[in-house]
Structures are given as structure tokens and as C-alpha cells.
Amino acid sequence: MSRPELDQVKRRYADVTAQLDALATADAGLSETDAQTRQELLEEQGKIEHWLWALEPD
């Protein structure tokens, strides 16, 4: 993966994290759609974390 691609993945991770933070503030009143979106974002965040862990130099 090239450096620009890695930077893009990091930006997506930051975006996913921001969306999760926004949903967390309304967690008590999440609709079913928001709850599903939250689950999808958590799954995507986990995948990105795995990629970043595998790609980052020590």
C-alpha cells in the first residue's frame, strides 16, 4: 500500500471514529437504523485497525 493510500485509510478511520462518537452521544435514544449503522461502523473500524496494525512500520 502506498503512502497516499495509507493516509486515505487513516482519514477514513478518523471519519468512522467521529461518526461513532456522534452516535455515542445519542446512544440511549438510538433508532434501529442508527443502531445498525453503529454496528456497521464498529465493524469497519475494526477492519481498519487491523489493516493499520499490519501496515504500520514498527
Protein backbone atom coordinates (compact mmCIF):
# COMPACT_ATOMS: atom_id res chain seq x y z
CA MET A 1 0.00 0.00 0.00
CA SER A 2 1.37 3.37 -0.98
CA ARG A 3 1.71 6.26 1.45
CA PRO A 4 -1.24 8.18 -0.10
CA GLU A 5 -3.41 5.06 0.24
CA LEU A 6 -2.35 4.64 3.86
CA ASP A 7 -3.17 8.29 4.53
CA GLN A 8 -6.61 7.76 2.96
CA VAL A 9 -7.23 4.76 5.23
CA LYS A 10 -6.21 6.84 8.25
CA ARG A 11 -8.61 9.61 7.20
CA ARG A 12 -11.43 7.07 6.83
CA TYR A 13 -10.60 5.73 10.29
CA ALA A 14 -10.85 9.23 11.73
CA ASP A 15 -14.18 9.73 9.94
CA VAL A 16 -15.59 6.44 11.24
CA THR A 17 -14.42 7.28 14.76
CA ALA A 18 -16.09 10.71 14.56
CA GLN A 19 -19.35 9.15 13.39
CA LEU A 20 -19.20 6.63 16.25
CA ASP A 21 -18.56 9.44 18.73
CA ALA A 22 -21.60 11.31 17.40
CA LEU A 23 -23.77 8.23 17.75
CA ALA A 24 -22.44 7.58 21.26
CA THR A 25 -23.76 10.91 22.47
CA ALA A 26 -27.27 9.82 21.46
CA ASP A 27 -26.81 6.16 22.42
CA ALA A 28 -29.80 5.97 24.77
CA GLY A 29 -32.24 7.02 22.07
CA LEU A 30 -30.80 5.29 19.01
CA SER A 31 -33.28 4.19 16.39
CA GLU A 32 -32.96 0.71 14.90
CA THR A 33 -31.34 2.25 11.81
CA ASP A 34 -28.83 4.19 13.93
CA ALA A 35 -28.05 1.07 15.94
CA GLN A 36 -27.39 -0.85 12.73
CA THR A 37 -25.25 1.99 11.39
CA ARG A 38 -23.31 1.99 14.66
CA GLN A 39 -22.69 -1.76 14.34
CA GLU A 40 -21.53 -1.38 10.73
CA LEU A 41 -19.19 1.46 11.73
CA LEU A 42 -17.76 -0.61 14.59
CA GLU A 43 -17.08 -3.47 12.17
CA GLU A 44 -15.44 -1.11 9.67
CA GLN A 45 -13.39 0.47 12.45
CA GLY A 46 -12.15 -2.97 13.50
CA LYS A 47 -11.13 -3.83 9.94
CA ILE A 48 -9.29 -0.52 9.52
CA GLU A 49 -7.50 -1.01 12.85
CA HIS A 50 -6.37 -4.44 11.66
CA TRP A 51 -5.10 -3.01 8.35
CA LEU A 52 -3.28 -0.17 10.06
CA TRP A 53 -1.69 -2.52 12.58
CA ALA A 54 -0.50 -4.78 9.74
CA LEU A 55 0.74 -1.92 7.55
CA GLU A 56 2.37 0.45 10.02
CA PRO A 57 6.13 0.13 10.29
CA ASP A 58 7.40 -0.70 13.76
